[in-house]
Amino acid sequence: MTLPMMWPLIAALCVALAVALAIRGADGADARLECLRAADRGGWRSDRCDGIDGDAVSAGLTIALVLAAVRQGSSISVALREVGDVLPGRQGAVLRRASESLHRGCGWRQAWIAAGLDADAATAGDASGINDDGGISGQRAACILCDALEDSWIRGASPVDRLEMTIDKLDADARHELETAAERLTVRLLVPTGLCMLPAFVLIGVVPTLAAFMQ
């Protein structure tokens, strides 16, 4: 088979690969969406959530699940355990261990450190230096929850408002990062385009003008 005859086959394979990747990504997004819908319905301990890789779940989604559990009447420690049960992997394990430590009577910060949260992050309550990708997402979500729920655990205040504010802040930060990335992409696209068009502008516009003046 000659190379020109192989081009349609190669194109078909590329299209099939693109469709397969799109379907896989859509399935993952649908699973996360169904998990949130189940949380809003109150039946959020759904088996549909078991197929989601805990290390791939964002901090915002984790906190939204904790908020849904609290709104359904669960205590903080119970909400952490139940959300940990539907988040497999290290992310869920951190929440489950924190819940177990709280039930054993550990202090708030000590429980999170015992669960595997970085001691400096737990003490400072600052997740700004912790990324939200891969296995680190569990650390970031745990650090944010540790800081957001501390007053509610110690003083008995309602955790709903603080969790809602935390989710809004995460959404705002994500939008800001997206806008910044879009601006950088625009610059990276326009600069090469301008450099490509500059010689044509010189040859078509500047050179004929100079030649006309010289005559």
Foldseek 3Di string as FASTA:
>chain_A
DDPVVCVVVVVVVVVVVVVVVVVVVVLQVVLLVVLLVCLQVVNNLDPSLQPHALQADALLSLLSQLLSVVVSPDDNLVSLQSSLVSHDDLLSQLSNQLSVCVVVPDQLLVSSVRSPADNVLSVVLDLPVFDCHGNSRSNSSSSPCSNQCNCCVPVVDDSNVSSVVVSVVVVVVVVVVVVVVVVVVVVVVVVVVVVVCVVVCCVPPVVVVVVVVVD
